[in-house]
C-alpha atoms as a PDB file:
ATOM      1  CA  MET A   1     142.306 -25.390  45.849  1.00  0.00           C
ATOM      2  CA  LEU A   2     140.706 -24.255  42.621  1.00  0.00           C
ATOM      3  CA  ASP A   3     137.427 -25.951  43.503  1.00  0.00           C
ATOM      4  CA  LEU A   4     137.364 -24.338  46.954  1.00  0.00           C
ATOM      5  CA  ALA A   5     138.142 -20.951  45.395  1.00  0.00           C
ATOM      6  CA  ARG A   6     134.978 -21.435  43.272  1.00  0.00           C
ATOM      7  CA  LEU A   7     136.660 -20.121  40.132  1.00  0.00           C
ATOM      8  CA  LYS A   8     134.392 -19.402  37.191  1.00  0.00           C
ATOM      9  CA  ASP A   9     134.601 -17.934  33.717  1.00  0.00           C
ATOM     10  CA  GLY A  10     135.453 -14.231  33.804  1.00  0.00           C
ATOM     11  CA  ASP A  11     137.017 -14.180  37.283  1.00  0.00           C
ATOM     12  CA  ILE A  12     140.086 -12.030  38.004  1.00  0.00           C
ATOM     13  CA  VAL A  13     142.464 -14.079  40.165  1.00  0.00           C
ATOM     14  CA  LEU A  14     145.711 -13.392  42.027  1.00  0.00           C
ATOM     15  CA  ASP A  15     148.165 -16.259  42.590  1.00  0.00           C
ATOM     16  CA  VAL A  16     150.605 -15.289  45.357  1.00  0.00           C
ATOM     17  CA  ALA A  17     154.027 -17.000  45.383  1.00  0.00           C
ATOM     18  CA  THR A  18     153.237 -18.444  41.955  1.00  0.00           C
ATOM     19  CA  GLY A  19     156.746 -19.894  41.636  1.00  0.00           C
ATOM     20  CA  SER A  20     157.094 -21.543  38.243  1.00  0.00           C
ATOM     21  CA  GLY A  21     153.407 -20.939  37.517  1.00  0.00           C
ATOM     22  CA  GLU A  22     151.143 -23.214  39.524  1.00  0.00           C
ATOM     23  CA  PRO A  23     148.385 -23.124  40.526  1.00  0.00           C
ATOM     24  CA  GLY A  24     147.968 -19.912  38.526  1.00  0.00           C
ATOM     25  CA  LEU A  25     148.327 -21.570  35.129  1.00  0.00           C
ATOM     26  CA  SER A  26     145.654 -24.127  35.970  1.00  0.00           C
ATOM     27  CA  ALA A  27     143.454 -21.307  37.276  1.00  0.00           C
ATOM     28  CA  ALA A  28     143.878 -19.456  33.975  1.00  0.00           C
ATOM     29  CA  ARG A  29     142.336 -22.407  32.130  1.00  0.00           C
ATOM     30  CA  ARG A  30     139.296 -22.260  34.403  1.00  0.00           C
ATOM     31  CA  VAL A  31     138.561 -18.536  34.257  1.00  0.00           C
ATOM     32  CA  GLY A  32     138.422 -18.379  30.454  1.00  0.00           C
ATOM     33  CA  LYS A  33     137.687 -14.754  29.606  1.00  0.00           C
ATOM     34  CA  GLY A  34     138.980 -13.717  33.025  1.00  0.00           C
ATOM     35  CA  LYS A  35     142.599 -13.214  34.014  1.00  0.00           C
ATOM     36  CA  VAL A  36     145.189 -14.579  36.436  1.00  0.00           C
ATOM     37  CA  ILE A  37     148.128 -12.564  37.757  1.00  0.00           C
ATOM     38  CA  GLY A  38     150.920 -14.560  39.375  1.00  0.00           C
ATOM     39  CA  LEU A  39     153.240 -12.815  41.837  1.00  0.00           C
ATOM     40  CA  ASP A  40     156.606 -14.088  43.058  1.00  0.00           C
ATOM     41  CA  ILE A  41     159.701 -12.563  44.645  1.00  0.00           C
ATOM     42  CA  SER A  42     162.018 -14.539  42.335  1.00  0.00           C
ATOM     43  CA  GLN A  43     162.751 -13.067  38.918  1.00  0.00           C
ATOM     44  CA  GLY A  44     163.980 -16.484  37.788  1.00  0.00           C
ATOM     45  CA  MET A  45     160.745 -18.204  38.779  1.00  0.00           C
ATOM     46  CA  VAL A  46     158.670 -15.494  37.124  1.00  0.00           C
ATOM     47  CA  GLY A  47     160.625 -16.032  33.915  1.00  0.00           C
ATOM     48  CA  ILE A  48     159.862 -19.753  33.985  1.00  0.00           C
ATOM     49  CA  ALA A  49     156.163 -19.074  34.630  1.00  0.00           C
ATOM     50  CA  ARG A  50     156.030 -16.721  31.657  1.00  0.00           C
ATOM     51  CA  GLU A  51     157.688 -19.313  29.403  1.00  0.00           C
ATOM     52  CA  LYS A  52     155.187 -21.964  30.509  1.00  0.00           C
ATOM     53  CA  ALA A  53     152.263 -19.638  29.791  1.00  0.00           C
ATOM     54  CA  ARG A  54     153.619 -18.972  26.297  1.00  0.00           C
ATOM     55  CA  ALA A  55     154.140 -22.690  25.654  1.00  0.00           C
ATOM     56  CA  MET A  56     150.571 -23.394  26.812  1.00  0.00           C
ATOM     57  CA  ARG A  57     149.253 -20.466  24.723  1.00  0.00           C
ATOM     58  CA  LEU A  58     147.584 -18.958  27.768  1.00  0.00           C
ATOM     59  CA  LYS A  59     147.026 -15.286  27.046  1.00  0.00           C
ATOM     60  CA  ASN A  60     145.098 -14.666  30.272  1.00  0.00           C
ATOM     61  CA  TYR A  61     148.027 -15.397  32.628  1.00  0.00           C
ATOM     62  CA  GLU A  62     150.581 -12.768  33.593  1.00  0.00           C
ATOM     63  CA  ALA A  63     153.528 -13.208  35.999  1.00  0.00           C
ATOM     64  CA  GLN A  64     155.055 -10.289  37.908  1.00  0.00           C
ATOM     65  CA  VAL A  65     157.874  -9.784  40.421  1.00  0.00           C
ATOM     66  CA  TYR A  66     156.958  -8.153  43.736  1.00  0.00           C
ATOM     67  CA  SER A  67     158.584  -7.491  47.102  1.00  0.00           C
ATOM     68  CA  SER A  68     156.130  -7.137  50.004  1.00  0.00           C
ATOM     69  CA  GLU A  69     153.054  -4.996  49.311  1.00  0.00           C
ATOM     70  CA  PHE A  70     150.970  -5.914  46.290  1.00  0.00           C
ATOM     71  CA  PRO A  71     150.852  -3.353  43.460  1.00  0.00           C
ATOM     72  CA  PHE A  72     147.034  -3.389  43.446  1.00  0.00           C
ATOM     73  CA  GLY A  73     144.262  -1.370  45.010  1.00  0.00           C
ATOM     74  CA  PRO A  74     141.641  -2.804  47.358  1.00  0.00           C
ATOM     75  CA  ASP A  75     138.712  -4.873  46.079  1.00  0.00           C
ATOM     76  CA  THR A  76     140.516  -5.907  42.872  1.00  0.00           C
ATOM     77  CA  PHE A  77     140.258  -9.717  42.678  1.00  0.00           C
ATOM     78  CA  ASP A  78     137.435 -12.253  42.718  1.00  0.00           C
ATOM     79  CA  ALA A  79     139.777 -14.813  44.275  1.00  0.00           C
ATOM     80  CA  VAL A  80     143.275 -14.938  45.740  1.00  0.00           C
ATOM     81  CA  ILE A  81     145.120 -18.265  45.863  1.00  0.00           C
ATOM     82  CA  SER A  82     148.513 -19.313  47.209  1.00  0.00           C
ATOM     83  CA  ARG A  83     150.056 -22.791  47.263  1.00  0.00           C
ATOM     84  CA  PHE A  84     152.897 -23.464  49.726  1.00  0.00           C
ATOM     85  CA  GLY A  85     153.863 -19.804  49.977  1.00  0.00           C
ATOM     86  CA  VAL A  86     152.412 -18.144  53.073  1.00  0.00           C
ATOM     87  CA  MET A  87     154.535 -20.171  55.537  1.00  0.00           C
ATOM     88  CA  PHE A  88     157.622 -18.423  54.148  1.00  0.00           C
ATOM     89  CA  PHE A  89     156.238 -14.898  54.678  1.00  0.00           C
ATOM     90  CA  PRO A  90     158.130 -12.821  57.279  1.00  0.00           C
ATOM     91  CA  ASP A  91     154.741 -12.199  58.940  1.00  0.00           C
ATOM     92  CA  VAL A  92     151.986 -14.669  57.983  1.00  0.00           C
ATOM     93  CA  LEU A  93     149.127 -12.611  59.439  1.00  0.00           C
ATOM     94  CA  ALA A  94     150.291  -9.452  57.657  1.00  0.00           C
ATOM     95  CA  GLY A  95     150.506 -11.398  54.394  1.00  0.00           C
ATOM     96  CA  LEU A  96     146.982 -12.778  54.791  1.00  0.00           C
ATOM     97  CA  ARG A  97     145.677  -9.282  55.546  1.00  0.00           C
ATOM     98  CA  GLU A  98     147.324  -7.980  52.390  1.00  0.00           C
ATOM     99  CA  MET A  99     145.710 -10.755  50.363  1.00  0.00           C
ATOM    100  CA  ALA A 100     142.339  -9.987  51.958  1.00  0.00           C
ATOM    101  CA  ARG A 101     142.800  -6.276  51.183  1.00  0.00           C
ATOM    102  CA  VAL A 102     142.907  -6.862  47.437  1.00  0.00           C
ATOM    103  CA  LEU A 103     139.903  -9.219  47.455  1.00  0.00           C
ATOM    104  CA  LYS A 104     136.519  -7.962  46.373  1.00  0.00           C
ATOM    105  CA  PRO A 105     133.747  -8.215  48.982  1.00  0.00           C
ATOM    106  CA  GLY A 106     132.459 -11.765  48.722  1.00  0.00           C
ATOM    107  CA  GLY A 107     135.714 -12.920  47.138  1.00  0.00           C
ATOM    108  CA  ILE A 108     137.479 -16.065  48.327  1.00  0.00           C
ATOM    109  CA  LEU A 109     140.997 -16.478  49.698  1.00  0.00           C
ATOM    110  CA  CYS A 110     142.353 -20.029  49.428  1.00  0.00           C
ATOM    111  CA  VAL A 111     145.812 -21.049  50.646  1.00  0.00           C
ATOM    112  CA  ALA A 112     147.594 -24.390  50.960  1.00  0.00           C
ATOM    113  CA  VAL A 113     150.297 -25.162  53.518  1.00  0.00           C
ATOM    114  CA  TRP A 114     152.060 -28.346  54.564  1.00  0.00           C
ATOM    115  CA  GLY A 115     150.573 -30.259  57.467  1.00  0.00           C
ATOM    116  CA  PRO A 116     152.710 -32.160  60.010  1.00  0.00           C
ATOM    117  CA  GLN A 117     156.020 -33.234  58.554  1.00  0.00           C
ATOM    118  CA  ASN A 118     156.488 -36.837  57.479  1.00  0.00           C
ATOM    119  CA  GLU A 119     158.497 -38.546  60.236  1.00  0.00           C
ATOM    120  CA  LYS A 120     161.076 -40.042  57.865  1.00  0.00           C
ATOM    121  CA  ALA A 121     161.596 -36.691  56.105  1.00  0.00           C
ATOM    122  CA  LYS A 122     161.889 -35.049  59.514  1.00  0.00           C
ATOM    123  CA  SER A 123     164.518 -37.612  60.553  1.00  0.00           C
ATOM    124  CA  VAL A 124     166.569 -36.823  57.433  1.00  0.00           C
ATOM    125  CA  ILE A 125     166.698 -33.107  58.283  1.00  0.00           C
ATOM    126  CA  GLN A 126     167.508 -33.806  61.944  1.00  0.00           C
ATOM    127  CA  VAL A 127     170.364 -36.136  60.996  1.00  0.00           C
ATOM    128  CA  LEU A 128     171.825 -33.592  58.574  1.00  0.00           C
ATOM    129  CA  ASN A 129     171.516 -30.755  61.091  1.00  0.00           C
ATOM    130  CA  ARG A 130     173.410 -32.799  63.688  1.00  0.00           C
ATOM    131  CA  THR A 131     176.046 -34.013  61.220  1.00  0.00           C
ATOM    132  CA  PHE A 132     176.776 -30.517  59.918  1.00  0.00           C
ATOM    133  CA  GLY A 133     176.355 -28.787  63.292  1.00  0.00           C
ATOM    134  CA  LEU A 134     173.376 -26.732  62.134  1.00  0.00           C
ATOM    135  CA  PRO A 135     170.854 -25.244  64.580  1.00  0.00           C
ATOM    136  CA  GLU A 136     167.285 -26.488  64.578  1.00  0.00           C
ATOM    137  CA  ALA A 137     164.927 -24.153  62.712  1.00  0.00           C
ATOM    138  CA  ALA A 138     163.014 -21.691  64.890  1.00  0.00           C
ATOM    139  CA  PRO A 139     159.468 -23.085  65.316  1.00  0.00           C
ATOM    140  CA  ASN A 140     157.797 -19.782  64.398  1.00  0.00           C
ATOM    141  CA  GLY A 141     160.301 -18.662  61.779  1.00  0.00           C
ATOM    142  CA  PRO A 142     159.732 -18.931  58.016  1.00  0.00           C
ATOM    143  CA  GLY A 143     159.833 -22.548  56.901  1.00  0.00           C
ATOM    144  CA  PRO A 144     157.803 -25.261  55.158  1.00  0.00           C
ATOM    145  CA  PHE A 145     156.132 -26.555  58.343  1.00  0.00           C
ATOM    146  CA  ARG A 146     155.555 -23.275  60.131  1.00  0.00           C
ATOM    147  CA  CYS A 147     151.758 -23.526  59.654  1.00  0.00           C
ATOM    148  CA  SER A 148     151.467 -27.298  60.097  1.00  0.00           C
ATOM    149  CA  ASP A 149     149.230 -27.138  63.186  1.00  0.00           C
ATOM    150  CA  ALA A 150     145.757 -28.086  61.983  1.00  0.00           C
ATOM    151  CA  GLY A 151     143.928 -24.895  62.959  1.00  0.00           C
ATOM    152  CA  LYS A 152     146.704 -22.316  62.681  1.00  0.00           C
ATOM    153  CA  THR A 153     146.121 -20.948  59.179  1.00  0.00           C
ATOM    154  CA  ALA A 154     142.339 -20.950  59.586  1.00  0.00           C
ATOM    155  CA  SER A 155     142.674 -18.979  62.832  1.00  0.00           C
ATOM    156  CA  LEU A 156     144.958 -16.424  61.181  1.00  0.00           C
ATOM    157  CA  MET A 157     142.524 -16.056  58.276  1.00  0.00           C
ATOM    158  CA  ARG A 158     139.761 -15.153  60.727  1.00  0.00           C
ATOM    159  CA  ARG A 159     142.066 -12.584  62.343  1.00  0.00           C
ATOM    160  CA  ALA A 160     142.696 -11.197  58.842  1.00  0.00           C
ATOM    161  CA  GLY A 161     138.985 -10.398  58.617  1.00  0.00           C
ATOM    162  CA  LEU A 162     137.658 -13.373  56.642  1.00  0.00           C
ATOM    163  CA  HIS A 163     134.474 -15.278  57.489  1.00  0.00           C
ATOM    164  CA  ASP A 164     133.027 -18.700  56.645  1.00  0.00           C
ATOM    165  CA  VAL A 165     136.546 -20.057  57.094  1.00  0.00           C
ATOM    166  CA  GLY A 166     137.023 -23.770  56.473  1.00  0.00           C
ATOM    167  CA  GLN A 167     139.836 -26.233  55.939  1.00  0.00           C
ATOM    168  CA  ALA A 168     140.336 -29.358  53.828  1.00  0.00           C
ATOM    169  CA  GLU A 169     142.986 -31.987  54.469  1.00  0.00           C
ATOM    170  CA  VAL A 170     144.581 -33.509  51.367  1.00  0.00           C
ATOM    171  CA  ALA A 171     146.783 -36.598  51.285  1.00  0.00           C
ATOM    172  CA  VAL A 172     149.905 -36.008  49.183  1.00  0.00           C
ATOM    173  CA  HIS A 173     152.485 -38.541  48.001  1.00  0.00           C
ATOM    174  CA  ARG A 174     155.855 -36.907  47.387  1.00  0.00           C
ATOM    175  CA  ALA A 175     157.619 -39.372  45.106  1.00  0.00           C
ATOM    176  CA  HIS A 176     161.279 -39.324  44.065  1.00  0.00           C
ATOM    177  CA  SER A 177     162.459 -41.630  41.293  1.00  0.00           C
ATOM    178  CA  SER A 178     165.514 -42.762  43.271  1.00  0.00           C
ATOM    179  CA  VAL A 179     167.614 -42.063  46.347  1.00  0.00           C
ATOM    180  CA  GLY A 180     169.988 -40.082  44.148  1.00  0.00           C
ATOM    181  CA  GLN A 181     167.143 -37.961  42.780  1.00  0.00           C
ATOM    182  CA  TYR A 182     165.982 -37.259  46.343  1.00  0.00           C
ATOM    183  CA  TRP A 183     169.454 -35.948  47.183  1.00  0.00           C
ATOM    184  CA  GLU A 184     169.309 -33.646  44.149  1.00  0.00           C
ATOM    185  CA  TYR A 185     165.898 -32.380  45.268  1.00  0.00           C
ATOM    186  CA  LEU A 186     167.089 -31.851  48.841  1.00  0.00           C
ATOM    187  CA  LEU A 187     170.183 -29.880  47.855  1.00  0.00           C
ATOM    188  CA  ASP A 188     168.194 -27.826  45.324  1.00  0.00           C
ATOM    189  CA  THR A 189     165.458 -26.846  47.768  1.00  0.00           C
ATOM    190  CA  ASN A 190     167.198 -26.555  51.162  1.00  0.00           C
ATOM    191  CA  LEU A 191     169.826 -23.856  50.706  1.00  0.00           C
ATOM    192  CA  VAL A 192     171.087 -24.029  54.309  1.00  0.00           C
ATOM    193  CA  ILE A 193     171.823 -27.745  54.105  1.00  0.00           C
ATOM    194  CA  ALA A 194     173.212 -27.400  50.576  1.00  0.00           C
ATOM    195  CA  GLU A 195     175.701 -24.758  51.736  1.00  0.00           C
ATOM    196  CA  ALA A 196     176.736 -26.851  54.741  1.00  0.00           C
ATOM    197  CA  PHE A 197     177.094 -29.955  52.549  1.00  0.00           C
ATOM    198  CA  ASN A 198     179.291 -28.148  50.028  1.00  0.00           C
ATOM    199  CA  LYS A 199     181.529 -26.697  52.759  1.00  0.00           C
ATOM    200  CA  ALA A 200     181.907 -29.980  54.652  1.00  0.00           C
ATOM    201  CA  SER A 201     184.888 -32.274  54.309  1.00  0.00           C
ATOM    202  CA  ALA A 202     184.639 -35.343  52.084  1.00  0.00           C
ATOM    203  CA  GLU A 203     184.542 -37.512  55.203  1.00  0.00           C
ATOM    204  CA  THR A 204     181.636 -35.560  56.723  1.00  0.00           C
ATOM    205  CA  ARG A 205     179.696 -35.615  53.440  1.00  0.00           C
ATOM    206  CA  LYS A 206     180.176 -39.390  53.260  1.00  0.00           C
ATOM    207  CA  GLU A 207     178.989 -39.766  56.858  1.00  0.00           C
ATOM    208  CA  ALA A 208     175.890 -37.681  56.107  1.00  0.00           C
ATOM    209  CA  LYS A 209     175.028 -39.726  53.023  1.00  0.00           C
ATOM    210  CA  VAL A 210     175.411 -43.047  54.849  1.00  0.00           C
ATOM    211  CA  LYS A 211     173.085 -41.913  57.651  1.00  0.00           C
ATOM    212  CA  VAL A 212     170.474 -40.457  55.313  1.00  0.00           C
ATOM    213  CA  ASN A 213     170.596 -43.388  52.896  1.00  0.00           C
ATOM    214  CA  LYS A 214     169.887 -45.711  55.826  1.00  0.00           C
ATOM    215  CA  ILE A 215     166.693 -43.762  56.555  1.00  0.00           C
ATOM    216  CA  LEU A 216     165.684 -43.666  52.902  1.00  0.00           C
ATOM    217  CA  GLY A 217     166.357 -47.389  52.532  1.00  0.00           C
ATOM    218  CA  SER A 218     163.588 -48.103  55.037  1.00  0.00           C
ATOM    219  CA  ILE A 219     160.983 -46.543  52.690  1.00  0.00           C
ATOM    220  CA  GLU A 220     162.576 -47.324  49.303  1.00  0.00           C
ATOM    221  CA  GLU A 221     160.246 -49.299  47.049  1.00  0.00           C
ATOM    222  CA  GLU A 222     161.290 -52.237  44.875  1.00  0.00           C
ATOM    223  CA  SER A 223     161.252 -49.913  41.870  1.00  0.00           C
ATOM    224  CA  GLY A 224     163.830 -47.699  43.578  1.00  0.00           C
ATOM    225  CA  LYS A 225     161.347 -44.907  44.232  1.00  0.00           C
ATOM    226  CA  VAL A 226     161.402 -43.039  47.529  1.00  0.00           C
ATOM    227  CA  VAL A 227     157.920 -41.928  48.580  1.00  0.00           C
ATOM    228  CA  PHE A 228     156.988 -39.681  51.490  1.00  0.00           C
ATOM    229  CA  ASP A 229     153.333 -39.672  52.542  1.00  0.00           C
ATOM    230  CA  SER A 230     152.430 -36.098  53.460  1.00  0.00           C
ATOM    231  CA  ILE A 231     149.437 -33.934  54.312  1.00  0.00           C
ATOM    232  CA  ALA A 232     148.480 -30.578  52.769  1.00  0.00           C
ATOM    233  CA  LEU A 233     146.055 -28.275  54.595  1.00  0.00           C
ATOM    234  CA  VAL A 234     143.911 -26.091  52.318  1.00  0.00           C
ATOM    235  CA  SER A 235     142.258 -23.207  54.174  1.00  0.00           C
ATOM    236  CA  HIS A 236     139.642 -20.959  52.602  1.00  0.00           C
ATOM    237  CA  GLY A 237     137.553 -17.991  53.633  1.00  0.00           C
ATOM    238  CA  VAL A 238     135.301 -15.244  52.308  1.00  0.00           C
ATOM    239  CA  LYS A 239     135.838 -11.484  52.538  1.00  0.00           C
END
């Protein structure tokens, strides 16, 4: 992402949905005398990002909380980056247009989204949805795989007014140290399933774990690690 954004010393960069700080913190190292502003809707995440910046002694990184519209005028940033954030926007096209608005002419927008979901990971979610009686996620609603079609984000970037749009496909290995650690990750990151799991009876929770552990067992390595091979799609364009 940072290579495709062509970051250089002195650049002013916006990291949208910075979460706990990445890729904004890494961008801050690259821009040197420049500056990176990280935006996120979560006060808790922003606090973590600020602590990381202090620990890394990065004085050119600043994290801020925002809601929908960015608190910046047009033509402010040399680059805007966002990793695994835009697919959760209420309106992806509107979000991309807002990011393009704050870019300087000639500036680069670079966003990463998840490609097609790993089949084993998909099976886990389907099994849990059926076990807990949860509805399937709406295909066009906010979610991690909303922009997984290969050309979707690039097409939306063109509609947002960007040109020279391109896309890179990156192989990603999502590794969990154990089956138990995967369960912790799942219940920490999927609030709908976590709520259903906590409300379910002990018998239903046991049933869910048996079914999911059977799926995970098919990809568990000798070391105990559970690894999902995934694809990230990195789209980029110029204002």
